[in-house]
Amino acid sequence: MDSNAPSQGKPTPTTFQVGQLVKWGKYQGNIRHVDIDYITICIKTYPNDDSYRKRNQREVCLLCFTHQWNDVIIQDNN
């Protein structure tokens, strides 16, 4: 069985890794940040046309707090 399955105990920050593909409810995306209190899941990227910005993409990320981690399904283990 997968050690990250929701029914096998409470996930911890070490359960998640930046870049992992996950599913949370109706959303699927990559983990962008892992913290002791939350993770962020990037579900959409857009090109950034603003020449004054450092990054060439904008991201739409969801905040997932620790009490919601049991609902996150890891799709792969990058």
C-alpha atoms as a PDB file:
ATOM      1  CA  MET A   1       0.000   0.000   0.000  1.00  0.00           C
ATOM      2  CA  ASP A   2       1.027   3.590  -0.577  1.00  0.00           C
ATOM      3  CA  SER A   3       2.379   5.181   2.601  1.00  0.00           C
ATOM      4  CA  ASN A   4       0.790   8.458   1.520  1.00  0.00           C
ATOM      5  CA  ALA A   5      -2.738   7.073   1.264  1.00  0.00           C
ATOM      6  CA  PRO A   6      -5.279   9.156   3.195  1.00  0.00           C
ATOM      7  CA  SER A   7      -6.418   6.274   5.389  1.00  0.00           C
ATOM      8  CA  GLN A   8      -2.943   5.474   6.721  1.00  0.00           C
ATOM      9  CA  GLY A   9      -2.412   8.184   9.299  1.00  0.00           C
ATOM     10  CA  LYS A  10      -1.952  11.915   9.315  1.00  0.00           C
ATOM     11  CA  PRO A  11       0.302  13.341   6.581  1.00  0.00           C
ATOM     12  CA  THR A  12       3.239  15.488   7.683  1.00  0.00           C
ATOM     13  CA  PRO A  13       5.288  18.112   5.819  1.00  0.00           C
ATOM     14  CA  THR A  14       7.738  15.340   4.854  1.00  0.00           C
ATOM     15  CA  THR A  15       4.895  13.541   3.052  1.00  0.00           C
ATOM     16  CA  PHE A  16       4.934  16.225   0.358  1.00  0.00           C
ATOM     17  CA  GLN A  17       7.712  17.380  -1.979  1.00  0.00           C
ATOM     18  CA  VAL A  18       7.960  20.410  -4.227  1.00  0.00           C
ATOM     19  CA  GLY A  19       7.116  19.381  -7.780  1.00  0.00           C
ATOM     20  CA  GLN A  20       4.893  16.423  -6.857  1.00  0.00           C
ATOM     21  CA  LEU A  21       1.740  16.026  -8.918  1.00  0.00           C
ATOM     22  CA  VAL A  22      -1.256  15.848  -6.574  1.00  0.00           C
ATOM     23  CA  LYS A  23      -5.020  15.841  -6.728  1.00  0.00           C
ATOM     24  CA  TRP A  24      -7.095  17.733  -4.181  1.00  0.00           C
ATOM     25  CA  GLY A  25     -10.840  17.593  -4.650  1.00  0.00           C
ATOM     26  CA  LYS A  26     -11.612  18.597  -8.232  1.00  0.00           C
ATOM     27  CA  TYR A  27      -8.165  20.206  -8.704  1.00  0.00           C
ATOM     28  CA  GLN A  28      -4.934  18.687  -9.953  1.00  0.00           C
ATOM     29  CA  GLY A  29      -1.563  20.444  -9.896  1.00  0.00           C
ATOM     30  CA  ASN A  30       2.007  20.517  -8.695  1.00  0.00           C
ATOM     31  CA  ILE A  31       3.143  21.317  -5.181  1.00  0.00           C
ATOM     32  CA  ARG A  32       5.020  24.637  -5.211  1.00  0.00           C
ATOM     33  CA  HIS A  33       5.700  25.149  -1.483  1.00  0.00           C
ATOM     34  CA  VAL A  34       5.738  22.962   1.623  1.00  0.00           C
ATOM     35  CA  ASP A  35       5.484  24.472   5.096  1.00  0.00           C
ATOM     36  CA  ILE A  36       4.711  23.089   8.536  1.00  0.00           C
ATOM     37  CA  ASP A  37       1.244  24.741   8.393  1.00  0.00           C
ATOM     38  CA  TYR A  38       0.287  24.484   4.705  1.00  0.00           C
ATOM     39  CA  ILE A  39       1.244  23.487   1.184  1.00  0.00           C
ATOM     40  CA  THR A  40       0.543  25.367  -2.041  1.00  0.00           C
ATOM     41  CA  ILE A  41      -0.690  23.575  -5.145  1.00  0.00           C
ATOM     42  CA  CYS A  42      -0.238  25.283  -8.533  1.00  0.00           C
ATOM     43  CA  ILE A  43      -3.257  24.508 -10.705  1.00  0.00           C
ATOM     44  CA  LYS A  44      -2.739  26.932 -13.618  1.00  0.00           C
ATOM     45  CA  THR A  45       0.025  29.000 -15.222  1.00  0.00           C
ATOM     46  CA  TYR A  46      -0.298  31.974 -17.553  1.00  0.00           C
ATOM     47  CA  PRO A  47       2.336  33.799 -19.598  1.00  0.00           C
ATOM     48  CA  ASN A  48       3.370  37.056 -17.962  1.00  0.00           C
ATOM     49  CA  ASP A  49       3.488  39.856 -20.535  1.00  0.00           C
ATOM     50  CA  ASP A  50       4.690  42.471 -18.030  1.00  0.00           C
ATOM     51  CA  SER A  51       8.314  43.210 -18.952  1.00  0.00           C
ATOM     52  CA  TYR A  52       9.011  44.622 -15.473  1.00  0.00           C
ATOM     53  CA  ARG A  53       8.350  41.300 -13.736  1.00  0.00           C
ATOM     54  CA  LYS A  54      11.185  38.907 -12.910  1.00  0.00           C
ATOM     55  CA  ARG A  55       9.203  35.791 -13.774  1.00  0.00           C
ATOM     56  CA  ASN A  56       7.814  35.012 -17.213  1.00  0.00           C
ATOM     57  CA  GLN A  57       4.776  33.146 -15.853  1.00  0.00           C
ATOM     58  CA  ARG A  58       1.946  33.841 -13.459  1.00  0.00           C
ATOM     59  CA  GLU A  59       0.676  31.000 -11.302  1.00  0.00           C
ATOM     60  CA  VAL A  60      -2.676  30.229  -9.711  1.00  0.00           C
ATOM     61  CA  CYS A  61      -1.975  28.329  -6.493  1.00  0.00           C
ATOM     62  CA  LEU A  62      -4.288  26.918  -3.838  1.00  0.00           C
ATOM     63  CA  LEU A  63      -3.451  26.986  -0.144  1.00  0.00           C
ATOM     64  CA  CYS A  64      -4.020  23.645   1.546  1.00  0.00           C
ATOM     65  CA  PHE A  65      -3.775  23.722   5.342  1.00  0.00           C
ATOM     66  CA  THR A  66      -2.743  20.789   7.546  1.00  0.00           C
ATOM     67  CA  HIS A  67      -6.309  19.837   8.472  1.00  0.00           C
ATOM     68  CA  GLN A  68      -6.966  19.297   4.723  1.00  0.00           C
ATOM     69  CA  TRP A  69      -3.883  17.178   3.951  1.00  0.00           C
ATOM     70  CA  ASN A  70      -5.786  13.893   4.346  1.00  0.00           C
ATOM     71  CA  ASP A  71      -7.773  14.882   1.234  1.00  0.00           C
ATOM     72  CA  VAL A  72      -4.654  15.328  -0.943  1.00  0.00           C
ATOM     73  CA  ILE A  73      -3.864  12.364  -3.196  1.00  0.00           C
ATOM     74  CA  ILE A  74      -0.296  12.103  -4.472  1.00  0.00           C
ATOM     75  CA  GLN A  75      -0.309  11.205  -8.182  1.00  0.00           C
ATOM     76  CA  ASP A  76       3.442  10.629  -8.507  1.00  0.00           C
ATOM     77  CA  ASN A  77       6.619  10.852  -6.435  1.00  0.00           C
ATOM     78  CA  ASN A  78       9.030  13.196  -8.271  1.00  0.00           C
END
